[in-house]
Amino acid sequence: QVCAQLCRRPCYCPWVPPRCPRGSPLVLDGCGCCKICARRLGEPCDFLHVCDQSQGLVCDYSTASMGRGATCNFEDTEEGCEVNGRVYRDGEFFQPSCKLQCRCLDGGFTCIPLCQEDIR
C-alpha cells in the first residue's frame, strides 16, 4: 500500500539520467521506475532513494527512531570491522599502515607484520 502511494504510474523520469559520483552506480529507484544514483555507506535513504546493494548496503531505519532519518548501512547479518573510522567487510584484507596487513574476521581483525624487525 505504501508503494502505491509513493509510486506514480506511468513513470515520469528525466530524459537524461543523473551523473553519479565515482563509486555510485545507476540503479532503479524503489518504484522500479527511474534511474537514480545508488546511495553509499552513511548516506540518507528511504523507499525511493535506495542503497547500493552491490556493496551489501541496505536502508537502516534503526537510526530513524533517534530523530535521524534512515541511512545506508551494511546488513546486520554481515559481520564487519571498524578500524580508524572505516568499515571493512568480513573476510576483507586491508593495510592500516605500510608495516601491517590485516584481515577482518567475525567482527574482529588479525594483523601480520609486512616488515622484518629493524636490525641494528
PDB file of N, CA and C in Angstrom:
ATOM      1  N   GLN A   1       0.817  -1.184   0.000  1.00  0.00           N
ATOM      2  CA  GLN A   1       0.000   0.000   0.000  1.00  0.00           C
ATOM      3  C   GLN A   1       0.875   1.267   0.000  1.00  0.00           C
ATOM      4  N   VAL A   2       1.981   1.251   0.755  1.00  0.00           N
ATOM      5  CA  VAL A   2       2.894   2.388   0.763  1.00  0.00           C
ATOM      6  C   VAL A   2       3.460   2.606  -0.632  1.00  0.00           C
ATOM      7  N   CYS A   3       3.811   1.505  -1.301  1.00  0.00           N
ATOM      8  CA  CYS A   3       4.364   1.594  -2.652  1.00  0.00           C
ATOM      9  C   CYS A   3       3.377   2.293  -3.577  1.00  0.00           C
ATOM     10  N   ALA A   4       2.107   1.958  -3.499  1.00  0.00           N
ATOM     11  CA  ALA A   4       1.095   2.555  -4.360  1.00  0.00           C
ATOM     12  C   ALA A   4       0.974   4.058  -4.107  1.00  0.00           C
ATOM     13  N   GLN A   5       1.210   4.501  -2.872  1.00  0.00           N
ATOM     14  CA  GLN A   5       1.107   5.916  -2.553  1.00  0.00           C
ATOM     15  C   GLN A   5       2.305   6.698  -3.079  1.00  0.00           C
ATOM     16  N   LEU A   6       3.487   6.102  -3.073  1.00  0.00           N
ATOM     17  CA  LEU A   6       4.700   6.802  -3.475  1.00  0.00           C
ATOM     18  C   LEU A   6       5.000   6.691  -4.967  1.00  0.00           C
ATOM     19  N   CYS A   7       4.542   5.641  -5.587  1.00  0.00           N
ATOM     20  CA  CYS A   7       4.878   5.378  -6.987  1.00  0.00           C
ATOM     21  C   CYS A   7       3.746   5.827  -7.902  1.00  0.00           C
ATOM     22  N   ARG A   8       4.104   6.671  -8.855  1.00  0.00           N
ATOM     23  CA  ARG A   8       3.119   7.144  -9.828  1.00  0.00           C
ATOM     24  C   ARG A   8       3.273   6.334 -11.100  1.00  0.00           C
ATOM     25  N   ARG A   9       2.162   6.008 -11.685  1.00  0.00           N
ATOM     26  CA  ARG A   9       2.162   5.307 -12.967  1.00  0.00           C
ATOM     27  C   ARG A   9       1.380   6.132 -13.953  1.00  0.00           C
ATOM     28  N   PRO A  10       1.785   6.313 -15.152  1.00  0.00           N
ATOM     29  CA  PRO A  10       3.059   5.836 -15.689  1.00  0.00           C
ATOM     30  C   PRO A  10       4.241   6.612 -15.102  1.00  0.00           C
ATOM     31  N   CYS A  11       5.432   6.089 -15.338  1.00  0.00           N
ATOM     32  CA  CYS A  11       6.641   6.718 -14.805  1.00  0.00           C
ATOM     33  C   CYS A  11       6.939   8.019 -15.554  1.00  0.00           C
ATOM     34  N   TYR A  12       7.389   9.016 -14.791  1.00  0.00           N
ATOM     35  CA  TYR A  12       7.852  10.275 -15.375  1.00  0.00           C
ATOM     36  C   TYR A  12       9.286  10.489 -14.928  1.00  0.00           C
ATOM     37  N   CYS A  13      10.211  10.162 -15.796  1.00  0.00           N
ATOM     38  CA  CYS A  13      11.641  10.239 -15.461  1.00  0.00           C
ATOM     39  C   CYS A  13      12.304  11.309 -16.320  1.00  0.00           C
ATOM     40  N   PRO A  14      13.401  11.897 -15.816  1.00  0.00           N
ATOM     41  CA  PRO A  14      14.146  12.862 -16.648  1.00  0.00           C
ATOM     42  C   PRO A  14      14.689  12.180 -17.896  1.00  0.00           C
ATOM     43  N   TRP A  15      14.805  12.945 -18.979  1.00  0.00           N
ATOM     44  CA  TRP A  15      15.322  12.378 -20.228  1.00  0.00           C
ATOM     45  C   TRP A  15      16.761  11.939 -20.075  1.00  0.00           C
ATOM     46  N   VAL A  16      17.534  12.734 -19.365  1.00  0.00           N
ATOM     47  CA  VAL A  16      18.956  12.428 -19.191  1.00  0.00           C
ATOM     48  C   VAL A  16      19.153  11.840 -17.803  1.00  0.00           C
ATOM     49  N   PRO A  17      19.739  10.637 -17.710  1.00  0.00           N
ATOM     50  CA  PRO A  17      19.974  10.060 -16.377  1.00  0.00           C
ATOM     51  C   PRO A  17      20.968  10.908 -15.587  1.00  0.00           C
ATOM     52  N   PRO A  18      20.891  10.875 -14.266  1.00  0.00           N
ATOM     53  CA  PRO A  18      21.810  11.700 -13.465  1.00  0.00           C
ATOM     54  C   PRO A  18      23.249  11.227 -13.588  1.00  0.00           C
ATOM     55  N   ARG A  19      24.176  12.158 -13.364  1.00  0.00           N
ATOM     56  CA  ARG A  19      25.606  11.820 -13.311  1.00  0.00           C
ATOM     57  C   ARG A  19      25.929  11.474 -11.871  1.00  0.00           C
ATOM     58  N   CYS A  20      26.375  10.260 -11.655  1.00  0.00           N
ATOM     59  CA  CYS A  20      26.623   9.771 -10.295  1.00  0.00           C
ATOM     60  C   CYS A  20      28.061  10.028  -9.872  1.00  0.00           C
ATOM     61  N   PRO A  21      28.268  10.238  -8.553  1.00  0.00           N
ATOM     62  CA  PRO A  21      29.638  10.341  -8.053  1.00  0.00           C
ATOM     63  C   PRO A  21      30.376   9.027  -8.272  1.00  0.00           C
ATOM     64  N   ARG A  22      31.698   9.102  -8.321  1.00  0.00           N
ATOM     65  CA  ARG A  22      32.517   7.903  -8.501  1.00  0.00           C
ATOM     66  C   ARG A  22      32.149   6.859  -7.441  1.00  0.00           C
ATOM     67  N   GLY A  23      31.949   5.621  -7.865  1.00  0.00           N
ATOM     68  CA  GLY A  23      31.636   4.529  -6.951  1.00  0.00           C
ATOM     69  C   GLY A  23      30.164   4.370  -6.649  1.00  0.00           C
ATOM     70  N   SER A  24      29.333   5.190  -7.255  1.00  0.00           N
ATOM     71  CA  SER A  24      27.885   5.109  -7.030  1.00  0.00           C
ATOM     72  C   SER A  24      27.212   4.742  -8.356  1.00  0.00           C
ATOM     73  N   PRO A  25      26.733   3.499  -8.507  1.00  0.00           N
ATOM     74  CA  PRO A  25      26.157   3.082  -9.785  1.00  0.00           C
ATOM     75  C   PRO A  25      24.743   3.626  -9.999  1.00  0.00           C
ATOM     76  N   LEU A  26      24.319   3.631 -11.247  1.00  0.00           N
ATOM     77  CA  LEU A  26      22.931   3.952 -11.592  1.00  0.00           C
ATOM     78  C   LEU A  26      22.078   2.718 -11.319  1.00  0.00           C
ATOM     79  N   VAL A  27      20.985   2.891 -10.587  1.00  0.00           N
ATOM     80  CA  VAL A  27      20.073   1.796 -10.263  1.00  0.00           C
ATOM     81  C   VAL A  27      18.645   2.297 -10.442  1.00  0.00           C
ATOM     82  N   LEU A  28      17.695   1.379 -10.421  1.00  0.00           N
ATOM     83  CA  LEU A  28      16.286   1.775 -10.459  1.00  0.00           C
ATOM     84  C   LEU A  28      15.856   2.240  -9.076  1.00  0.00           C
ATOM     85  N   ASP A  29      15.020   3.260  -9.030  1.00  0.00           N
ATOM     86  CA  ASP A  29      14.511   3.741  -7.751  1.00  0.00           C
ATOM     87  C   ASP A  29      13.617   2.682  -7.100  1.00  0.00           C
ATOM     88  N   GLY A  30      13.126   2.948  -5.918  1.00  0.00           N
ATOM     89  CA  GLY A  30      12.315   1.989  -5.176  1.00  0.00           C
ATOM     90  C   GLY A  30      11.023   1.606  -5.873  1.00  0.00           C
ATOM     91  N   CYS A  31      10.571   2.420  -6.807  1.00  0.00           N
ATOM     92  CA  CYS A  31       9.361   2.107  -7.578  1.00  0.00           C
ATOM     93  C   CYS A  31       9.679   1.226  -8.785  1.00  0.00           C
ATOM     94  N   GLY A  32      10.993   1.036  -9.052  1.00  0.00           N
ATOM     95  CA  GLY A  32      11.375   0.274 -10.241  1.00  0.00           C
ATOM     96  C   GLY A  32      11.087   1.059 -11.500  1.00  0.00           C
ATOM     97  N   CYS A  33      11.183   2.366 -11.385  1.00  0.00           N
ATOM     98  CA  CYS A  33      10.732   3.247 -12.445  1.00  0.00           C
ATOM     99  C   CYS A  33      11.883   3.998 -13.118  1.00  0.00           C
ATOM    100  N   CYS A  34      12.533   4.879 -12.381  1.00  0.00           N
ATOM    101  CA  CYS A  34      13.553   5.772 -12.934  1.00  0.00           C
ATOM    102  C   CYS A  34      14.946   5.391 -12.448  1.00  0.00           C
ATOM    103  N   LYS A  35      15.946   5.725 -13.275  1.00  0.00           N
ATOM    104  CA  LYS A  35      17.342   5.505 -12.887  1.00  0.00           C
ATOM    105  C   LYS A  35      17.772   6.623 -11.934  1.00  0.00           C
ATOM    106  N   ILE A  36      18.399   6.213 -10.821  1.00  0.00           N
ATOM    107  CA  ILE A  36      18.933   7.159  -9.840  1.00  0.00           C
ATOM    108  C   ILE A  36      20.324   6.685  -9.437  1.00  0.00           C
ATOM    109  N   CYS A  37      21.062   7.541  -8.749  1.00  0.00           N
ATOM    110  CA  CYS A  37      22.363   7.152  -8.213  1.00  0.00           C
ATOM    111  C   CYS A  37      22.143   6.393  -6.908  1.00  0.00           C
ATOM    112  N   ALA A  38      22.724   5.217  -6.798  1.00  0.00           N
ATOM    113  CA  ALA A  38      22.589   4.434  -5.566  1.00  0.00           C
ATOM    114  C   ALA A  38      23.255   5.188  -4.420  1.00  0.00           C
ATOM    115  N   ARG A  39      22.647   5.112  -3.256  1.00  0.00           N
ATOM    116  CA  ARG A  39      23.205   5.772  -2.071  1.00  0.00           C
ATOM    117  C   ARG A  39      24.328   4.919  -1.512  1.00  0.00           C
ATOM    118  N   ARG A  40      25.329   5.592  -0.929  1.00  0.00           N
ATOM    119  CA  ARG A  40      26.504   4.904  -0.406  1.00  0.00           C
ATOM    120  C   ARG A  40      26.473   4.834   1.117  1.00  0.00           C
ATOM    121  N   LEU A  41      27.447   4.155   1.698  1.00  0.00           N
ATOM    122  CA  LEU A  41      27.535   3.956   3.138  1.00  0.00           C
ATOM    123  C   LEU A  41      27.421   5.281   3.889  1.00  0.00           C
ATOM    124  N   GLY A  42      26.457   5.347   4.830  1.00  0.00           N
ATOM    125  CA  GLY A  42      26.271   6.523   5.660  1.00  0.00           C
ATOM    126  C   GLY A  42      25.391   7.598   5.049  1.00  0.00           C
ATOM    127  N   GLU A  43      25.009   7.448   3.787  1.00  0.00           N
ATOM    128  CA  GLU A  43      24.158   8.452   3.146  1.00  0.00           C
ATOM    129  C   GLU A  43      22.695   8.213   3.494  1.00  0.00           C
ATOM    130  N   PRO A  44      21.871   9.272   3.482  1.00  0.00           N
ATOM    131  CA  PRO A  44      20.447   9.108   3.796  1.00  0.00           C
ATOM    132  C   PRO A  44      19.740   8.286   2.719  1.00  0.00           C
ATOM    133  N   CYS A  45      18.732   7.551   3.130  1.00  0.00           N
ATOM    134  CA  CYS A  45      17.982   6.720   2.189  1.00  0.00           C
ATOM    135  C   CYS A  45      16.520   6.653   2.621  1.00  0.00           C
ATOM    136  N   ASP A  46      15.679   6.161   1.738  1.00  0.00           N
ATOM    137  CA  ASP A  46      14.266   5.907   2.032  1.00  0.00           C
ATOM    138  C   ASP A  46      13.750   4.943   0.972  1.00  0.00           C
ATOM    139  N   PHE A  47      12.429   4.804   0.888  1.00  0.00           N
ATOM    140  CA  PHE A  47      11.850   3.849  -0.047  1.00  0.00           C
ATOM    141  C   PHE A  47      12.261   4.140  -1.490  1.00  0.00           C
ATOM    142  N   LEU A  48      12.269   5.415  -1.859  1.00  0.00           N
ATOM    143  CA  LEU A  48      12.601   5.780  -3.244  1.00  0.00           C
ATOM    144  C   LEU A  48      14.095   5.847  -3.501  1.00  0.00           C
ATOM    145  N   HIS A  49      14.856   6.351  -2.554  1.00  0.00           N
ATOM    146  CA  HIS A  49      16.299   6.550  -2.706  1.00  0.00           C
ATOM    147  C   HIS A  49      17.021   5.357  -2.101  1.00  0.00           C
ATOM    148  N   VAL A  50      17.321   4.373  -2.932  1.00  0.00           N
ATOM    149  CA  VAL A  50      17.816   3.082  -2.466  1.00  0.00           C
ATOM    150  C   VAL A  50      19.335   3.058  -2.311  1.00  0.00           C
ATOM    151  N   CYS A  51      19.793   2.136  -1.470  1.00  0.00           N
ATOM    152  CA  CYS A  51      21.227   1.965  -1.207  1.00  0.00           C
ATOM    153  C   CYS A  51      21.850   1.043  -2.259  1.00  0.00           C
ATOM    154  N   ASP A  52      23.158   1.090  -2.342  1.00  0.00           N
ATOM    155  CA  ASP A  52      23.914   0.279  -3.303  1.00  0.00           C
ATOM    156  C   ASP A  52      23.961  -1.173  -2.828  1.00  0.00           C
ATOM    157  N   GLN A  53      23.089  -2.004  -3.359  1.00  0.00           N
ATOM    158  CA  GLN A  53      23.035  -3.411  -2.950  1.00  0.00           C
ATOM    159  C   GLN A  53      24.258  -4.186  -3.393  1.00  0.00           C
ATOM    160  N   SER A  54      24.941  -3.725  -4.448  1.00  0.00           N
ATOM    161  CA  SER A  54      26.145  -4.432  -4.903  1.00  0.00           C
ATOM    162  C   SER A  54      27.257  -4.338  -3.862  1.00  0.00           C
ATOM    163  N   GLN A  55      27.182  -3.361  -2.962  1.00  0.00           N
ATOM    164  CA  GLN A  55      28.154  -3.217  -1.876  1.00  0.00           C
ATOM    165  C   GLN A  55      27.629  -3.842  -0.580  1.00  0.00           C
ATOM    166  N   GLY A  56      26.476  -4.521  -0.640  1.00  0.00           N
ATOM    167  CA  GLY A  56      25.897  -5.156   0.544  1.00  0.00           C
ATOM    168  C   GLY A  56      25.206  -4.171   1.472  1.00  0.00           C
ATOM    169  N   LEU A  57      24.780  -3.017   0.935  1.00  0.00           N
ATOM    170  CA  LEU A  57      24.150  -1.997   1.767  1.00  0.00           C
ATOM    171  C   LEU A  57      22.631  -2.096   1.730  1.00  0.00           C
ATOM    172  N   VAL A  58      22.020  -1.805   2.864  1.00  0.00           N
ATOM    173  CA  VAL A  58      20.561  -1.749   2.987  1.00  0.00           C
ATOM    174  C   VAL A  58      20.202  -0.451   3.696  1.00  0.00           C
ATOM    175  N   CYS A  59      18.956  -0.039   3.547  1.00  0.00           N
ATOM    176  CA  CYS A  59      18.479   1.164   4.222  1.00  0.00           C
ATOM    177  C   CYS A  59      18.175   0.799   5.671  1.00  0.00           C
ATOM    178  N   ASP A  60      18.949   1.352   6.590  1.00  0.00           N
ATOM    179  CA  ASP A  60      18.861   1.026   8.013  1.00  0.00           C
ATOM    180  C   ASP A  60      17.978   2.060   8.711  1.00  0.00           C
ATOM    181  N   TYR A  61      16.786   1.614   9.130  1.00  0.00           N
ATOM    182  CA  TYR A  61      15.830   2.509   9.774  1.00  0.00           C
ATOM    183  C   TYR A  61      16.005   2.555  11.287  1.00  0.00           C
ATOM    184  N   SER A  62      16.996   1.833  11.832  1.00  0.00           N
ATOM    185  CA  SER A  62      17.166   1.811  13.291  1.00  0.00           C
ATOM    186  C   SER A  62      17.565   3.184  13.825  1.00  0.00           C
ATOM    187  N   THR A  63      18.228   3.997  13.015  1.00  0.00           N
ATOM    188  CA  THR A  63      18.610   5.343  13.453  1.00  0.00           C
ATOM    189  C   THR A  63      17.442   6.318  13.353  1.00  0.00           C
ATOM    190  N   ALA A  64      16.402   5.957  12.593  1.00  0.00           N
ATOM    191  CA  ALA A  64      15.255   6.851  12.413  1.00  0.00           C
ATOM    192  C   ALA A  64      14.524   7.081  13.727  1.00  0.00           C
ATOM    193  N   SER A  65      14.580   6.123  14.622  1.00  0.00           N
ATOM    194  CA  SER A  65      13.884   6.270  15.908  1.00  0.00           C
ATOM    195  C   SER A  65      14.593   7.260  16.824  1.00  0.00           C
ATOM    196  N   MET A  66      15.840   7.599  16.518  1.00  0.00           N
ATOM    197  CA  MET A  66      16.608   8.538  17.337  1.00  0.00           C
ATOM    198  C   MET A  66      16.515   9.959  16.791  1.00  0.00           C
ATOM    199  N   GLY A  67      15.509  10.229  15.975  1.00  0.00           N
ATOM    200  CA  GLY A  67      15.318  11.566  15.440  1.00  0.00           C
ATOM    201  C   GLY A  67      16.066  11.828  14.149  1.00  0.00           C
ATOM    202  N   ARG A  68      16.839  10.858  13.687  1.00  0.00           N
ATOM    203  CA  ARG A  68      17.541  10.999  12.418  1.00  0.00           C
ATOM    204  C   ARG A  68      16.821  10.140  11.388  1.00  0.00           C
ATOM    205  N   GLY A  69      17.053  10.447  10.139  1.00  0.00           N
ATOM    206  CA  GLY A  69      16.470   9.640   9.084  1.00  0.00           C
ATOM    207  C   GLY A  69      17.239   8.340   8.911  1.00  0.00           C
ATOM    208  N   ALA A  70      16.728   7.490   8.052  1.00  0.00           N
ATOM    209  CA  ALA A  70      17.399   6.224   7.765  1.00  0.00           C
ATOM    210  C   ALA A  70      18.682   6.487   6.985  1.00  0.00           C
ATOM    211  N   THR A  71      19.664   5.603   7.164  1.00  0.00           N
ATOM    212  CA  THR A  71      20.931   5.723   6.448  1.00  0.00           C
ATOM    213  C   THR A  71      21.332   4.370   5.870  1.00  0.00           C
ATOM    214  N   CYS A  72      22.158   4.410   4.844  1.00  0.00           N
ATOM    215  CA  CYS A  72      22.667   3.178   4.240  1.00  0.00           C
ATOM    216  C   CYS A  72      23.722   2.567   5.150  1.00  0.00           C
ATOM    217  N   ASN A  73      23.571   1.279   5.398  1.00  0.00           N
ATOM    218  CA  ASN A  73      24.485   0.571   6.285  1.00  0.00           C
ATOM    219  C   ASN A  73      24.600  -0.870   5.801  1.00  0.00           C
ATOM    220  N   PHE A  74      25.630  -1.574   6.279  1.00  0.00           N
ATOM    221  CA  PHE A  74      25.760  -2.992   5.952  1.00  0.00           C
ATOM    222  C   PHE A  74      24.651  -3.769   6.641  1.00  0.00           C
ATOM    223  N   GLU A  75      24.228  -4.868   6.035  1.00  0.00           N
ATOM    224  CA  GLU A  75      23.213  -5.718   6.642  1.00  0.00           C
ATOM    225  C   GLU A  75      23.702  -6.239   7.982  1.00  0.00           C
ATOM    226  N   ASP A  76      22.781  -6.399   8.926  1.00  0.00           N
ATOM    227  CA  ASP A  76      23.148  -6.895  10.253  1.00  0.00           C
ATOM    228  C   ASP A  76      23.706  -8.304  10.205  1.00  0.00           C
ATOM    229  N   THR A  77      23.295  -9.072   9.226  1.00  0.00           N
ATOM    230  CA  THR A  77      23.747 -10.459   9.152  1.00  0.00           C
ATOM    231  C   THR A  77      25.219 -10.551   8.765  1.00  0.00           C
ATOM    232  N   GLU A  78      25.758  -9.469   8.247  1.00  0.00           N
ATOM    233  CA  GLU A  78      27.138  -9.478   7.794  1.00  0.00           C
ATOM    234  C   GLU A  78      28.032  -8.871   8.872  1.00  0.00           C
ATOM    235  N   GLU A  79      28.957  -9.673   9.364  1.00  0.00           N
ATOM    236  CA  GLU A  79      29.909  -9.162  10.349  1.00  0.00           C
ATOM    237  C   GLU A  79      30.842  -8.173   9.664  1.00  0.00           C
ATOM    238  N   GLY A  80      31.323  -7.225  10.403  1.00  0.00           N
ATOM    239  CA  GLY A  80      32.254  -6.261   9.860  1.00  0.00           C
ATOM    240  C   GLY A  80      33.174  -5.758  10.952  1.00  0.00           C
ATOM    241  N   CYS A  81      34.184  -5.015  10.546  1.00  0.00           N
ATOM    242  CA  CYS A  81      35.147  -4.443  11.485  1.00  0.00           C
ATOM    243  C   CYS A  81      35.268  -2.961  11.192  1.00  0.00           C
ATOM    244  N   GLU A  82      35.340  -2.167  12.238  1.00  0.00           N
ATOM    245  CA  GLU A  82      35.589  -0.741  12.059  1.00  0.00           C
ATOM    246  C   GLU A  82      36.977  -0.442  12.582  1.00  0.00           C
ATOM    247  N   VAL A  83      37.823   0.087  11.708  1.00  0.00           N
ATOM    248  CA  VAL A  83      39.202   0.415  12.062  1.00  0.00           C
ATOM    249  C   VAL A  83      39.480   1.832  11.565  1.00  0.00           C
ATOM    250  N   ASN A  84      39.865   2.704  12.475  1.00  0.00           N
ATOM    251  CA  ASN A  84      40.152   4.103  12.133  1.00  0.00           C
ATOM    252  C   ASN A  84      39.008   4.766  11.368  1.00  0.00           C
ATOM    253  N   GLY A  85      37.764   4.468  11.781  1.00  0.00           N
ATOM    254  CA  GLY A  85      36.603   5.100  11.172  1.00  0.00           C
ATOM    255  C   GLY A  85      36.158   4.499   9.853  1.00  0.00           C
ATOM    256  N   ARG A  86      36.835   3.469   9.392  1.00  0.00           N
ATOM    257  CA  ARG A  86      36.453   2.808   8.139  1.00  0.00           C
ATOM    258  C   ARG A  86      35.920   1.418   8.454  1.00  0.00           C
ATOM    259  N   VAL A  87      34.856   1.003   7.752  1.00  0.00           N
ATOM    260  CA  VAL A  87      34.245  -0.300   7.981  1.00  0.00           C
ATOM    261  C   VAL A  87      34.721  -1.266   6.901  1.00  0.00           C
ATOM    262  N   TYR A  88      35.206  -2.427   7.338  1.00  0.00           N
ATOM    263  CA  TYR A  88      35.638  -3.484   6.428  1.00  0.00           C
ATOM    264  C   TYR A  88      34.699  -4.661   6.564  1.00  0.00           C
ATOM    265  N   ARG A  89      34.423  -5.330   5.454  1.00  0.00           N
ATOM    266  CA  ARG A  89      33.533  -6.487   5.473  1.00  0.00           C
ATOM    267  C   ARG A  89      34.260  -7.729   5.944  1.00  0.00           C
ATOM    268  N   ASP A  90      33.494  -8.697   6.439  1.00  0.00           N
ATOM    269  CA  ASP A  90      34.053  -9.951   6.911  1.00  0.00           C
ATOM    270  C   ASP A  90      34.838 -10.617   5.787  1.00  0.00           C
ATOM    271  N   GLY A  91      36.081 -11.001   6.077  1.00  0.00           N
ATOM    272  CA  GLY A  91      36.942 -11.649   5.088  1.00  0.00           C
ATOM    273  C   GLY A  91      37.801 -10.687   4.287  1.00  0.00           C
ATOM    274  N   GLU A  92      37.557  -9.388   4.428  1.00  0.00           N
ATOM    275  CA  GLU A  92      38.298  -8.395   3.644  1.00  0.00           C
ATOM    276  C   GLU A  92      39.687  -8.147   4.232  1.00  0.00           C
ATOM    277  N   PHE A  93      40.705  -8.053   3.362  1.00  0.00           N
ATOM    278  CA  PHE A  93      42.068  -7.713   3.757  1.00  0.00           C
ATOM    279  C   PHE A  93      42.237  -6.204   3.637  1.00  0.00           C
ATOM    280  N   PHE A  94      43.047  -5.614   4.514  1.00  0.00           N
ATOM    281  CA  PHE A  94      43.333  -4.190   4.440  1.00  0.00           C
ATOM    282  C   PHE A  94      44.682  -3.906   5.069  1.00  0.00           C
ATOM    283  N   GLN A  95      45.243  -2.750   4.719  1.00  0.00           N
ATOM    284  CA  GLN A  95      46.537  -2.325   5.252  1.00  0.00           C
ATOM    285  C   GLN A  95      46.367  -0.996   5.978  1.00  0.00           C
ATOM    286  N   PRO A  96      46.301  -1.023   7.325  1.00  0.00           N
ATOM    287  CA  PRO A  96      46.172   0.241   8.054  1.00  0.00           C
ATOM    288  C   PRO A  96      47.453   1.074   8.000  1.00  0.00           C
ATOM    289  N   SER A  97      48.585   0.444   7.705  1.00  0.00           N
ATOM    290  CA  SER A  97      49.858   1.154   7.516  1.00  0.00           C
ATOM    291  C   SER A  97      50.707   0.311   6.572  1.00  0.00           C
ATOM    292  N   CYS A  98      51.859   0.864   6.169  1.00  0.00           N
ATOM    293  CA  CYS A  98      52.725   0.122   5.254  1.00  0.00           C
ATOM    294  C   CYS A  98      53.407  -1.061   5.951  1.00  0.00           C
ATOM    295  N   LYS A  99      53.322  -1.112   7.276  1.00  0.00           N
ATOM    296  CA  LYS A  99      54.005  -2.164   8.028  1.00  0.00           C
ATOM    297  C   LYS A  99      53.097  -3.333   8.408  1.00  0.00           C
ATOM    298  N   LEU A 100      51.768  -3.194   8.207  1.00  0.00           N
ATOM    299  CA  LEU A 100      50.832  -4.242   8.631  1.00  0.00           C
ATOM    300  C   LEU A 100      49.844  -4.591   7.530  1.00  0.00           C
ATOM    301  N   GLN A 101      49.502  -5.878   7.441  1.00  0.00           N
ATOM    302  CA  GLN A 101      48.395  -6.325   6.615  1.00  0.00           C
ATOM    303  C   GLN A 101      47.418  -7.023   7.550  1.00  0.00           C
ATOM    304  N   CYS A 102      46.153  -6.634   7.496  1.00  0.00           N
ATOM    305  CA  CYS A 102      45.151  -7.172   8.417  1.00  0.00           C
ATOM    306  C   CYS A 102      44.014  -7.809   7.643  1.00  0.00           C
ATOM    307  N   ARG A 103      43.251  -8.629   8.358  1.00  0.00           N
ATOM    308  CA  ARG A 103      42.069  -9.260   7.794  1.00  0.00           C
ATOM    309  C   ARG A 103      40.942  -9.171   8.802  1.00  0.00           C
ATOM    310  N   CYS A 104      39.780  -8.725   8.336  1.00  0.00           N
ATOM    311  CA  CYS A 104      38.585  -8.665   9.170  1.00  0.00           C
ATOM    312  C   CYS A 104      37.964 -10.057   9.199  1.00  0.00           C
ATOM    313  N   LEU A 105      37.679 -10.561  10.398  1.00  0.00           N
ATOM    314  CA  LEU A 105      37.120 -11.898  10.522  1.00  0.00           C
ATOM    315  C   LEU A 105      36.224 -11.977  11.748  1.00  0.00           C
ATOM    316  N   ASP A 106      34.950 -12.282  11.534  1.00  0.00           N
ATOM    317  CA  ASP A 106      33.968 -12.470  12.606  1.00  0.00           C
ATOM    318  C   ASP A 106      33.887 -11.274  13.556  1.00  0.00           C
ATOM    319  N   GLY A 107      33.928 -10.069  13.011  1.00  0.00           N
ATOM    320  CA  GLY A 107      33.778  -8.877  13.819  1.00  0.00           C
ATOM    321  C   GLY A 107      35.057  -8.384  14.470  1.00  0.00           C
ATOM    322  N   GLY A 108      36.156  -9.117  14.329  1.00  0.00           N
ATOM    323  CA  GLY A 108      37.455  -8.705  14.860  1.00  0.00           C
ATOM    324  C   GLY A 108      38.466  -8.702  13.734  1.00  0.00           C
ATOM    325  N   PHE A 109      39.694  -8.355  14.033  1.00  0.00           N
ATOM    326  CA  PHE A 109      40.694  -8.386  12.974  1.00  0.00           C
ATOM    327  C   PHE A 109      42.029  -8.893  13.515  1.00  0.00           C
ATOM    328  N   THR A 110      42.774  -9.529  12.622  1.00  0.00           N
ATOM    329  CA  THR A 110      44.117 -10.012  12.939  1.00  0.00           C
ATOM    330  C   THR A 110      45.078  -9.395  11.939  1.00  0.00           C
ATOM    331  N   CYS A 111      46.295  -9.125  12.393  1.00  0.00           N
ATOM    332  CA  CYS A 111      47.288  -8.476  11.542  1.00  0.00           C
ATOM    333  C   CYS A 111      48.602  -9.241  11.566  1.00  0.00           C
ATOM    334  N   ILE A 112      49.315  -9.160  10.450  1.00  0.00           N
ATOM    335  CA  ILE A 112      50.661  -9.726  10.386  1.00  0.00           C
ATOM    336  C   ILE A 112      51.601  -8.613   9.929  1.00  0.00           C
ATOM    337  N   PRO A 113      52.839  -8.603  10.440  1.00  0.00           N
ATOM    338  CA  PRO A 113      53.785  -7.571  10.018  1.00  0.00           C
ATOM    339  C   PRO A 113      54.269  -7.835   8.594  1.00  0.00           C
ATOM    340  N   LEU A 114      54.482  -6.768   7.850  1.00  0.00           N
ATOM    341  CA  LEU A 114      54.992  -6.874   6.483  1.00  0.00           C
ATOM    342  C   LEU A 114      56.489  -6.624   6.420  1.00  0.00           C
ATOM    343  N   CYS A 115      57.031  -6.066   7.482  1.00  0.00           N
ATOM    344  CA  CYS A 115      58.460  -5.709   7.513  1.00  0.00           C
ATOM    345  C   CYS A 115      59.168  -6.569   8.558  1.00  0.00           C
ATOM    346  N   GLN A 116      60.427  -6.882   8.278  1.00  0.00           N
ATOM    347  CA  GLN A 116      61.221  -7.577   9.278  1.00  0.00           C
ATOM    348  C   GLN A 116      61.608  -6.573  10.354  1.00  0.00           C
ATOM    349  N   GLU A 117      61.919  -7.078  11.539  1.00  0.00           N
ATOM    350  CA  GLU A 117      62.351  -6.196  12.615  1.00  0.00           C
ATOM    351  C   GLU A 117      63.593  -5.436  12.184  1.00  0.00           C
ATOM    352  N   ASP A 118      63.664  -4.184  12.596  1.00  0.00           N
ATOM    353  CA  ASP A 118      64.883  -3.405  12.304  1.00  0.00           C
ATOM    354  C   ASP A 118      66.064  -4.041  13.007  1.00  0.00           C
ATOM    355  N   ILE A 119      67.128  -4.273  12.266  1.00  0.00           N
ATOM    356  CA  ILE A 119      68.331  -4.883  12.866  1.00  0.00           C
ATOM    357  C   ILE A 119      69.376  -3.804  13.015  1.00  0.00           C
ATOM    358  N   ARG A 120      69.844  -3.636  14.223  1.00  0.00           N
ATOM    359  CA  ARG A 120      70.871  -2.613  14.488  1.00  0.00           C
ATOM    360  C   ARG A 120      72.212  -3.246  14.604  1.00  0.00           C
TER     361      ARG A 120
END
